[in-house]
Amino acid sequence: MRIDINSDLGEGFGRWRLGDDEELVKIVSSANVACGFHAGDAVIMTRMAEASKQYGLALGAHIGLPDLLGFGRVQMKIDPRDMQKHALYQLGALSAIAKVAGYSVTHAGTHGVFGEMSREHPEYLQLIFDVFAAFDKDIIIPAEPNSPWQAYARSIGLRTVGRIFADRAYTDDGHLVSRAKPGAVITDLHEVRTRIEQFLHDGTITAQSGKRLKVDAKCVLVHSDTPGAVAIARTIRETVEAGGGEIVPLTELAE
C-alpha cells in the first residue's frame, strides 16, 4: 500500500516558531504550508518551499482565515466571496515563492474551522475550490473521504486524495471531534500505531465512541503543533513501512 504522510508546516510568524519543521520535513512526504493569514510569512514560506524541494515533498498551500490571533481556529462571519479572494491571495503568494525557488505548488487545502463553517455554509469551500481550479486545474485537494467537499472538488475537475488524521479523534459521522472536547487530540503513540495498523489492515478507523468507520484514504496527516508531532510522524512512517507499505508524496496518489 502506498501512503502519503502529510503535515501542516510553517506555522510560525516572524521570530515565533510553532512545531519542529526541520525534523518533520525529513519524515513526511507532503507539506501543507501556512500562507501568512493564520500563520506563516514570506521568510517562513520560502524556507518551507526550499525544504520541500530539498527533501522531495509535495508542496501545498494551507489556506487559513485572516486571523493570526485566533490561529484560524475561531469561526469568523466573513463573506464567502471575500474569503475566496483571500484564498487566491494565499495560494498565489506561495506559488510565486515556490516558482522562484525552482519548485511548484501541487496541492491546496483549508486550515482550522473551515470544515465546521462549511457544514453550515457550503459556499465557503465551494468558492475556495472554484478559485483553486481557476488558478490551476491540476491542483490536488486532500479531502475528508466520501465527503461533500471531495465530491464537489471532483465535480469541477479537481483531483483528490482521501485523508485521515492520525492525531485527532472522530465522531460517528466521520467528522473531527471539536478541539474544545476531551480527547479530541491524540498524542499517545500506541493509539496512533493502532489506528494506522487498523487502517492499513481493513481501511477503517475507530471513532471516539468505538464505532468503526470505513474510509477511502491514502493520506495520513499529523499536525505540527500537536505535542510530540515528530514522534507521531515517525510512528506513522515506521508502522506503514513495517506493514510492507511505501511512503510517497500525494502527487503520486491523486485520482
C-alpha atoms as a PDB file:
ATOM      1  CA  MET A   1       0.000   0.000   0.000  1.00  0.00           C
ATOM      2  CA  ARG A   2       1.291   3.450  -0.926  1.00  0.00           C
ATOM      3  CA  ILE A   3       0.645   6.147   1.688  1.00  0.00           C
ATOM      4  CA  ASP A   4       1.331   9.866   1.916  1.00  0.00           C
ATOM      5  CA  ILE A   5       2.332  11.295   5.291  1.00  0.00           C
ATOM      6  CA  ASN A   6       1.046  14.839   5.317  1.00  0.00           C
ATOM      7  CA  SER A   7       1.801  17.648   7.778  1.00  0.00           C
ATOM      8  CA  ASP A   8       0.849  21.290   8.278  1.00  0.00           C
ATOM      9  CA  LEU A   9       4.147  23.162   8.389  1.00  0.00           C
ATOM     10  CA  GLY A  10       5.484  26.709   8.543  1.00  0.00           C
ATOM     11  CA  GLU A  11       3.076  27.727  11.272  1.00  0.00           C
ATOM     12  CA  GLY A  12       5.251  30.351  12.902  1.00  0.00           C
ATOM     13  CA  PHE A  13       5.377  34.092  12.337  1.00  0.00           C
ATOM     14  CA  GLY A  14       8.396  36.374  12.434  1.00  0.00           C
ATOM     15  CA  ARG A  15      10.580  35.366  15.373  1.00  0.00           C
ATOM     16  CA  TRP A  16       7.965  32.915  16.674  1.00  0.00           C
ATOM     17  CA  ARG A  17       8.142  29.223  15.774  1.00  0.00           C
ATOM     18  CA  LEU A  18       5.464  26.566  16.186  1.00  0.00           C
ATOM     19  CA  GLY A  19       6.319  22.941  15.550  1.00  0.00           C
ATOM     20  CA  ASP A  20       9.602  21.293  14.575  1.00  0.00           C
ATOM     21  CA  ASP A  21       9.538  21.875  10.825  1.00  0.00           C
ATOM     22  CA  GLU A  22      13.201  20.975  10.407  1.00  0.00           C
ATOM     23  CA  GLU A  23      12.666  17.428  11.703  1.00  0.00           C
ATOM     24  CA  LEU A  24       9.232  16.849  10.199  1.00  0.00           C
ATOM     25  CA  VAL A  25      10.397  17.550   6.624  1.00  0.00           C
ATOM     26  CA  LYS A  26      12.767  14.581   6.983  1.00  0.00           C
ATOM     27  CA  ILE A  27       9.901  12.215   7.849  1.00  0.00           C
ATOM     28  CA  VAL A  28       6.771  13.297   5.975  1.00  0.00           C
ATOM     29  CA  SER A  29       6.170  13.166   2.215  1.00  0.00           C
ATOM     30  CA  SER A  30       3.879  16.192   1.726  1.00  0.00           C
ATOM     31  CA  ALA A  31       3.857  19.642   3.320  1.00  0.00           C
ATOM     32  CA  ASN A  32       0.888  21.981   3.753  1.00  0.00           C
ATOM     33  CA  VAL A  33       2.455  25.395   4.231  1.00  0.00           C
ATOM     34  CA  ALA A  34       0.762  28.249   6.089  1.00  0.00           C
ATOM     35  CA  CYS A  35       0.484  31.219   3.732  1.00  0.00           C
ATOM     36  CA  GLY A  36       0.550  34.206   6.069  1.00  0.00           C
ATOM     37  CA  PHE A  37      -3.047  34.517   7.241  1.00  0.00           C
ATOM     38  CA  HIS A  38      -3.488  32.106  10.158  1.00  0.00           C
ATOM     39  CA  ALA A  39       0.298  31.737  10.413  1.00  0.00           C
ATOM     40  CA  GLY A  40       3.421  31.950   8.291  1.00  0.00           C
ATOM     41  CA  ASP A  41       5.182  34.781   6.498  1.00  0.00           C
ATOM     42  CA  ALA A  42       7.292  35.267   3.389  1.00  0.00           C
ATOM     43  CA  VAL A  43      10.535  34.145   5.040  1.00  0.00           C
ATOM     44  CA  ILE A  44       8.997  31.013   6.546  1.00  0.00           C
ATOM     45  CA  MET A  45       7.168  30.188   3.305  1.00  0.00           C
ATOM     46  CA  THR A  46      10.439  30.467   1.385  1.00  0.00           C
ATOM     47  CA  ARG A  47      12.197  28.195   3.846  1.00  0.00           C
ATOM     48  CA  MET A  48       9.411  25.633   3.564  1.00  0.00           C
ATOM     49  CA  ALA A  49       9.403  25.749  -0.258  1.00  0.00           C
ATOM     50  CA  GLU A  50      13.164  25.225  -0.309  1.00  0.00           C
ATOM     51  CA  ALA A  51      12.975  22.395   2.235  1.00  0.00           C
ATOM     52  CA  SER A  52      10.180  20.704   0.274  1.00  0.00           C
ATOM     53  CA  LYS A  53      12.324  20.805  -2.833  1.00  0.00           C
ATOM     54  CA  GLN A  54      15.373  19.514  -0.944  1.00  0.00           C
ATOM     55  CA  TYR A  55      13.522  16.518   0.519  1.00  0.00           C
ATOM     56  CA  GLY A  56      11.219  15.835  -2.433  1.00  0.00           C
ATOM     57  CA  LEU A  57       7.988  16.674  -0.626  1.00  0.00           C
ATOM     58  CA  ALA A  58       4.792  17.626  -2.391  1.00  0.00           C
ATOM     59  CA  LEU A  59       4.306  21.321  -1.604  1.00  0.00           C
ATOM     60  CA  GLY A  60       0.829  22.527  -0.736  1.00  0.00           C
ATOM     61  CA  ALA A  61      -0.825  25.812   0.204  1.00  0.00           C
ATOM     62  CA  HIS A  62      -2.560  25.722   3.573  1.00  0.00           C
ATOM     63  CA  ILE A  63      -5.270  28.370   3.327  1.00  0.00           C
ATOM     64  CA  GLY A  64      -6.467  29.995   6.547  1.00  0.00           C
ATOM     65  CA  LEU A  65      -8.800  32.665   7.830  1.00  0.00           C
ATOM     66  CA  PRO A  66      -7.301  36.180   8.053  1.00  0.00           C
ATOM     67  CA  ASP A  67      -6.796  35.776  11.794  1.00  0.00           C
ATOM     68  CA  LEU A  68      -3.301  35.399  13.246  1.00  0.00           C
ATOM     69  CA  LEU A  69      -4.644  35.955  16.754  1.00  0.00           C
ATOM     70  CA  GLY A  70      -7.090  33.062  16.520  1.00  0.00           C
ATOM     71  CA  PHE A  71      -4.694  30.857  14.506  1.00  0.00           C
ATOM     72  CA  GLY A  72      -7.534  30.203  12.054  1.00  0.00           C
ATOM     73  CA  ARG A  73      -9.356  28.047  14.577  1.00  0.00           C
ATOM     74  CA  VAL A  74     -12.010  30.574  15.579  1.00  0.00           C
ATOM     75  CA  GLN A  75     -15.084  30.943  13.387  1.00  0.00           C
ATOM     76  CA  MET A  76     -15.482  34.270  11.610  1.00  0.00           C
ATOM     77  CA  LYS A  77     -18.508  35.833   9.947  1.00  0.00           C
ATOM     78  CA  ILE A  78     -16.657  36.594   6.742  1.00  0.00           C
ATOM     79  CA  ASP A  79     -18.412  36.894   3.394  1.00  0.00           C
ATOM     80  CA  PRO A  80     -17.672  33.677   1.442  1.00  0.00           C
ATOM     81  CA  ARG A  81     -16.812  35.660  -1.703  1.00  0.00           C
ATOM     82  CA  ASP A  82     -14.364  37.770   0.280  1.00  0.00           C
ATOM     83  CA  MET A  83     -12.830  34.580   1.668  1.00  0.00           C
ATOM     84  CA  GLN A  84     -12.476  33.268  -1.871  1.00  0.00           C
ATOM     85  CA  LYS A  85     -10.278  36.268  -2.680  1.00  0.00           C
ATOM     86  CA  HIS A  86      -8.220  35.732   0.467  1.00  0.00           C
ATOM     87  CA  ALA A  87      -7.739  32.095  -0.566  1.00  0.00           C
ATOM     88  CA  LEU A  88      -6.452  33.079  -4.005  1.00  0.00           C
ATOM     89  CA  TYR A  89      -4.136  35.646  -2.430  1.00  0.00           C
ATOM     90  CA  GLN A  90      -2.557  32.955  -0.244  1.00  0.00           C
ATOM     91  CA  LEU A  91      -2.249  30.358  -2.991  1.00  0.00           C
ATOM     92  CA  GLY A  92      -0.722  32.930  -5.325  1.00  0.00           C
ATOM     93  CA  ALA A  93       1.817  34.057  -2.735  1.00  0.00           C
ATOM     94  CA  LEU A  94       3.137  30.559  -2.090  1.00  0.00           C
ATOM     95  CA  SER A  95       3.117  29.748  -5.815  1.00  0.00           C
ATOM     96  CA  ALA A  96       5.276  32.805  -6.548  1.00  0.00           C
ATOM     97  CA  ILE A  97       7.721  31.906  -3.779  1.00  0.00           C
ATOM     98  CA  ALA A  98       7.897  28.299  -4.978  1.00  0.00           C
ATOM     99  CA  LYS A  99       8.472  29.344  -8.583  1.00  0.00           C
ATOM    100  CA  VAL A 100      11.476  31.471  -7.652  1.00  0.00           C
ATOM    101  CA  ALA A 101      12.800  28.547  -5.587  1.00  0.00           C
ATOM    102  CA  GLY A 102      12.548  26.311  -8.677  1.00  0.00           C
ATOM    103  CA  TYR A 103       9.618  24.318  -7.343  1.00  0.00           C
ATOM    104  CA  SER A 104       5.821  24.338  -7.629  1.00  0.00           C
ATOM    105  CA  VAL A 105       2.682  24.117  -5.529  1.00  0.00           C
ATOM    106  CA  THR A 106       0.907  20.846  -6.241  1.00  0.00           C
ATOM    107  CA  HIS A 107      -1.957  20.798  -3.749  1.00  0.00           C
ATOM    108  CA  ALA A 108      -4.062  23.082  -1.611  1.00  0.00           C
ATOM    109  CA  GLY A 109      -6.492  22.823   1.254  1.00  0.00           C
ATOM    110  CA  THR A 110      -8.022  24.723   4.121  1.00  0.00           C
ATOM    111  CA  HIS A 111      -6.982  25.061   7.745  1.00  0.00           C
ATOM    112  CA  GLY A 112      -8.802  25.165  11.045  1.00  0.00           C
ATOM    113  CA  VAL A 113     -12.529  25.774  11.298  1.00  0.00           C
ATOM    114  CA  PHE A 114     -13.411  25.769   7.597  1.00  0.00           C
ATOM    115  CA  GLY A 115     -14.884  22.285   7.966  1.00  0.00           C
ATOM    116  CA  GLU A 116     -17.269  23.475  10.684  1.00  0.00           C
ATOM    117  CA  MET A 117     -18.079  26.710   8.855  1.00  0.00           C
ATOM    118  CA  SER A 118     -18.766  24.865   5.611  1.00  0.00           C
ATOM    119  CA  ARG A 119     -21.147  22.376   7.171  1.00  0.00           C
ATOM    120  CA  GLU A 120     -23.437  25.336   7.842  1.00  0.00           C
ATOM    121  CA  HIS A 121     -22.458  27.349   4.756  1.00  0.00           C
ATOM    122  CA  PRO A 122     -21.212  25.036   1.951  1.00  0.00           C
ATOM    123  CA  GLU A 123     -20.334  28.004  -0.246  1.00  0.00           C
ATOM    124  CA  TYR A 124     -17.138  28.598   1.752  1.00  0.00           C
ATOM    125  CA  LEU A 125     -15.369  25.515   0.456  1.00  0.00           C
ATOM    126  CA  GLN A 126     -17.183  25.514  -2.876  1.00  0.00           C
ATOM    127  CA  LEU A 127     -15.976  29.018  -3.708  1.00  0.00           C
ATOM    128  CA  ILE A 128     -12.470  28.275  -2.466  1.00  0.00           C
ATOM    129  CA  PHE A 129     -12.262  25.138  -4.605  1.00  0.00           C
ATOM    130  CA  ASP A 130     -13.632  27.112  -7.565  1.00  0.00           C
ATOM    131  CA  VAL A 131     -10.795  29.616  -7.309  1.00  0.00           C
ATOM    132  CA  PHE A 132      -8.218  26.845  -6.853  1.00  0.00           C
ATOM    133  CA  ALA A 133      -9.437  25.313 -10.114  1.00  0.00           C
ATOM    134  CA  ALA A 134      -9.436  28.679 -11.878  1.00  0.00           C
ATOM    135  CA  PHE A 135      -5.837  29.252 -10.797  1.00  0.00           C
ATOM    136  CA  ASP A 136      -4.554  25.768 -11.642  1.00  0.00           C
ATOM    137  CA  LYS A 137      -6.720  22.909 -12.895  1.00  0.00           C
ATOM    138  CA  ASP A 138      -4.026  20.447 -11.770  1.00  0.00           C
ATOM    139  CA  ILE A 139      -4.197  21.415  -8.094  1.00  0.00           C
ATOM    140  CA  ILE A 140      -4.869  18.374  -5.885  1.00  0.00           C
ATOM    141  CA  ILE A 141      -7.243  18.529  -2.906  1.00  0.00           C
ATOM    142  CA  PRO A 142      -6.525  16.387   0.193  1.00  0.00           C
ATOM    143  CA  ALA A 143     -10.066  15.750   1.391  1.00  0.00           C
ATOM    144  CA  GLU A 144     -12.228  14.094   4.016  1.00  0.00           C
ATOM    145  CA  PRO A 145     -13.081  10.716   2.435  1.00  0.00           C
ATOM    146  CA  ASN A 146     -16.531  10.414   0.860  1.00  0.00           C
ATOM    147  CA  SER A 147     -17.430  13.936   1.944  1.00  0.00           C
ATOM    148  CA  PRO A 148     -19.479  16.525   0.039  1.00  0.00           C
ATOM    149  CA  TRP A 149     -16.255  18.538  -0.308  1.00  0.00           C
ATOM    150  CA  GLN A 150     -14.414  15.695  -2.009  1.00  0.00           C
ATOM    151  CA  ALA A 151     -17.415  15.166  -4.299  1.00  0.00           C
ATOM    152  CA  TYR A 152     -17.583  18.870  -5.133  1.00  0.00           C
ATOM    153  CA  ALA A 153     -13.869  19.086  -5.926  1.00  0.00           C
ATOM    154  CA  ARG A 154     -14.194  16.168  -8.306  1.00  0.00           C
ATOM    155  CA  SER A 155     -17.329  17.641  -9.878  1.00  0.00           C
ATOM    156  CA  ILE A 156     -15.347  20.698 -11.012  1.00  0.00           C
ATOM    157  CA  GLY A 157     -12.496  18.598 -12.376  1.00  0.00           C
ATOM    158  CA  LEU A 158     -10.029  18.646  -9.487  1.00  0.00           C
ATOM    159  CA  ARG A 159      -8.229  15.502  -8.393  1.00  0.00           C
ATOM    160  CA  THR A 160      -8.400  14.488  -4.742  1.00  0.00           C
ATOM    161  CA  VAL A 161      -6.753  12.203  -2.220  1.00  0.00           C
ATOM    162  CA  GLY A 162      -8.734  10.911   0.750  1.00  0.00           C
ATOM    163  CA  ARG A 163      -7.088  11.919   4.021  1.00  0.00           C
ATOM    164  CA  ILE A 164      -7.366  10.758   7.612  1.00  0.00           C
ATOM    165  CA  PHE A 165      -5.893  12.332  10.736  1.00  0.00           C
ATOM    166  CA  ALA A 166      -3.508  10.385  12.939  1.00  0.00           C
ATOM    167  CA  ASP A 167      -3.746  12.808  15.847  1.00  0.00           C
ATOM    168  CA  ARG A 168      -7.448  13.677  16.015  1.00  0.00           C
ATOM    169  CA  ALA A 169     -10.488  11.839  17.358  1.00  0.00           C
ATOM    170  CA  TYR A 170     -13.509  11.231  15.111  1.00  0.00           C
ATOM    171  CA  THR A 171     -17.247  11.432  15.646  1.00  0.00           C
ATOM    172  CA  ASP A 172     -19.556   8.642  14.480  1.00  0.00           C
ATOM    173  CA  ASP A 173     -20.392  10.585  11.306  1.00  0.00           C
ATOM    174  CA  GLY A 174     -16.732  10.877  10.305  1.00  0.00           C
ATOM    175  CA  HIS A 175     -16.101  14.463  11.383  1.00  0.00           C
ATOM    176  CA  LEU A 176     -13.328  15.565  13.702  1.00  0.00           C
ATOM    177  CA  VAL A 177     -14.201  15.900  17.373  1.00  0.00           C
ATOM    178  CA  SER A 178     -14.100  19.570  18.389  1.00  0.00           C
ATOM    179  CA  ARG A 179     -10.816  20.601  19.969  1.00  0.00           C
ATOM    180  CA  ALA A 180     -12.893  22.021  22.827  1.00  0.00           C
ATOM    181  CA  LYS A 181     -13.897  18.481  23.869  1.00  0.00           C
ATOM    182  CA  PRO A 182     -11.846  16.000  25.929  1.00  0.00           C
ATOM    183  CA  GLY A 183      -9.780  13.533  23.944  1.00  0.00           C
ATOM    184  CA  ALA A 184     -10.030  15.461  20.685  1.00  0.00           C
ATOM    185  CA  VAL A 185      -6.255  15.485  20.183  1.00  0.00           C
ATOM    186  CA  ILE A 186      -4.428  12.149  20.182  1.00  0.00           C
ATOM    187  CA  THR A 187      -0.825  12.099  21.412  1.00  0.00           C
ATOM    188  CA  ASP A 188      -0.445   8.518  22.671  1.00  0.00           C
ATOM    189  CA  LEU A 189       1.929   6.697  20.286  1.00  0.00           C
ATOM    190  CA  HIS A 190       0.348   3.305  20.957  1.00  0.00           C
ATOM    191  CA  GLU A 191      -3.038   4.707  19.960  1.00  0.00           C
ATOM    192  CA  VAL A 192      -1.527   6.223  16.815  1.00  0.00           C
ATOM    193  CA  ARG A 193       0.149   2.937  15.882  1.00  0.00           C
ATOM    194  CA  THR A 194      -3.053   1.002  16.472  1.00  0.00           C
ATOM    195  CA  ARG A 195      -5.031   3.421  14.276  1.00  0.00           C
ATOM    196  CA  ILE A 196      -2.551   3.133  11.412  1.00  0.00           C
ATOM    197  CA  GLU A 197      -2.313  -0.661  11.667  1.00  0.00           C
ATOM    198  CA  GLN A 198      -6.108  -0.931  11.562  1.00  0.00           C
ATOM    199  CA  PHE A 199      -6.329   1.493   8.635  1.00  0.00           C
ATOM    200  CA  LEU A 200      -3.740  -0.491   6.669  1.00  0.00           C
ATOM    201  CA  HIS A 201      -5.422  -3.789   7.513  1.00  0.00           C
ATOM    202  CA  ASP A 202      -9.043  -3.104   6.591  1.00  0.00           C
ATOM    203  CA  GLY A 203      -9.387   0.547   5.594  1.00  0.00           C
ATOM    204  CA  THR A 204     -11.204   1.580   8.769  1.00  0.00           C
ATOM    205  CA  ILE A 205     -10.594   3.878  11.700  1.00  0.00           C
ATOM    206  CA  THR A 206     -12.326   3.821  15.068  1.00  0.00           C
ATOM    207  CA  ALA A 207     -14.407   6.782  16.194  1.00  0.00           C
ATOM    208  CA  GLN A 208     -14.243   8.073  19.759  1.00  0.00           C
ATOM    209  CA  SER A 209     -17.381   6.061  20.592  1.00  0.00           C
ATOM    210  CA  GLY A 210     -15.789   2.817  19.402  1.00  0.00           C
ATOM    211  CA  LYS A 211     -17.689   2.695  16.098  1.00  0.00           C
ATOM    212  CA  ARG A 212     -15.634   1.584  13.095  1.00  0.00           C
ATOM    213  CA  LEU A 213     -15.683   3.914  10.105  1.00  0.00           C
ATOM    214  CA  LYS A 214     -14.802   2.827   6.557  1.00  0.00           C
ATOM    215  CA  VAL A 215     -12.507   5.386   4.908  1.00  0.00           C
ATOM    216  CA  ASP A 216     -11.269   5.539   1.323  1.00  0.00           C
ATOM    217  CA  ALA A 217      -7.975   7.280   2.007  1.00  0.00           C
ATOM    218  CA  LYS A 218      -4.311   7.170   1.069  1.00  0.00           C
ATOM    219  CA  CYS A 219      -3.066  10.152   3.049  1.00  0.00           C
ATOM    220  CA  VAL A 220      -2.386  10.390   6.803  1.00  0.00           C
ATOM    221  CA  LEU A 221      -1.980  13.803   8.428  1.00  0.00           C
ATOM    222  CA  VAL A 222      -0.249  14.869  11.625  1.00  0.00           C
ATOM    223  CA  HIS A 223      -0.478  18.472  12.849  1.00  0.00           C
ATOM    224  CA  SER A 224       2.932  20.009  13.524  1.00  0.00           C
ATOM    225  CA  ASP A 225       1.569  21.765  16.620  1.00  0.00           C
ATOM    226  CA  THR A 226       0.352  18.540  18.237  1.00  0.00           C
ATOM    227  CA  PRO A 227       2.574  17.717  21.238  1.00  0.00           C
ATOM    228  CA  GLY A 228       5.052  15.043  20.151  1.00  0.00           C
ATOM    229  CA  ALA A 229       4.337  15.594  16.428  1.00  0.00           C
ATOM    230  CA  VAL A 230       7.785  14.380  15.336  1.00  0.00           C
ATOM    231  CA  ALA A 231       7.393  11.123  17.260  1.00  0.00           C
ATOM    232  CA  ILE A 232       3.863  10.700  15.864  1.00  0.00           C
ATOM    233  CA  ALA A 233       5.074  11.215  12.287  1.00  0.00           C
ATOM    234  CA  ARG A 234       7.917   8.771  12.853  1.00  0.00           C
ATOM    235  CA  THR A 235       5.486   6.221  14.312  1.00  0.00           C
ATOM    236  CA  ILE A 236       3.250   6.533  11.240  1.00  0.00           C
ATOM    237  CA  ARG A 237       6.189   6.004   8.899  1.00  0.00           C
ATOM    238  CA  GLU A 238       7.556   3.052  10.845  1.00  0.00           C
ATOM    239  CA  THR A 239       4.121   1.414  11.010  1.00  0.00           C
ATOM    240  CA  VAL A 240       3.450   1.806   7.292  1.00  0.00           C
ATOM    241  CA  GLU A 241       6.885   0.501   6.323  1.00  0.00           C
ATOM    242  CA  ALA A 242       6.726  -2.389   8.821  1.00  0.00           C
ATOM    243  CA  GLY A 243       3.447  -3.398   7.163  1.00  0.00           C
ATOM    244  CA  GLY A 244       5.093  -3.515   3.743  1.00  0.00           C
ATOM    245  CA  GLY A 245       3.792  -0.115   2.656  1.00  0.00           C
ATOM    246  CA  GLU A 246       5.630   2.655   0.835  1.00  0.00           C
ATOM    247  CA  ILE A 247       5.682   6.362   1.710  1.00  0.00           C
ATOM    248  CA  VAL A 248       5.122   8.585  -1.332  1.00  0.00           C
ATOM    249  CA  PRO A 249       4.031  12.205  -1.947  1.00  0.00           C
ATOM    250  CA  LEU A 250       0.318  12.726  -2.524  1.00  0.00           C
ATOM    251  CA  THR A 251       1.094  13.768  -6.115  1.00  0.00           C
ATOM    252  CA  GLU A 252       1.545  10.048  -6.821  1.00  0.00           C
ATOM    253  CA  LEU A 253      -1.818   9.124  -5.324  1.00  0.00           C
ATOM    254  CA  ALA A 254      -4.338  11.630  -6.676  1.00  0.00           C
ATOM    255  CA  GLU A 255      -7.412  10.401  -8.544  1.00  0.00           C
END
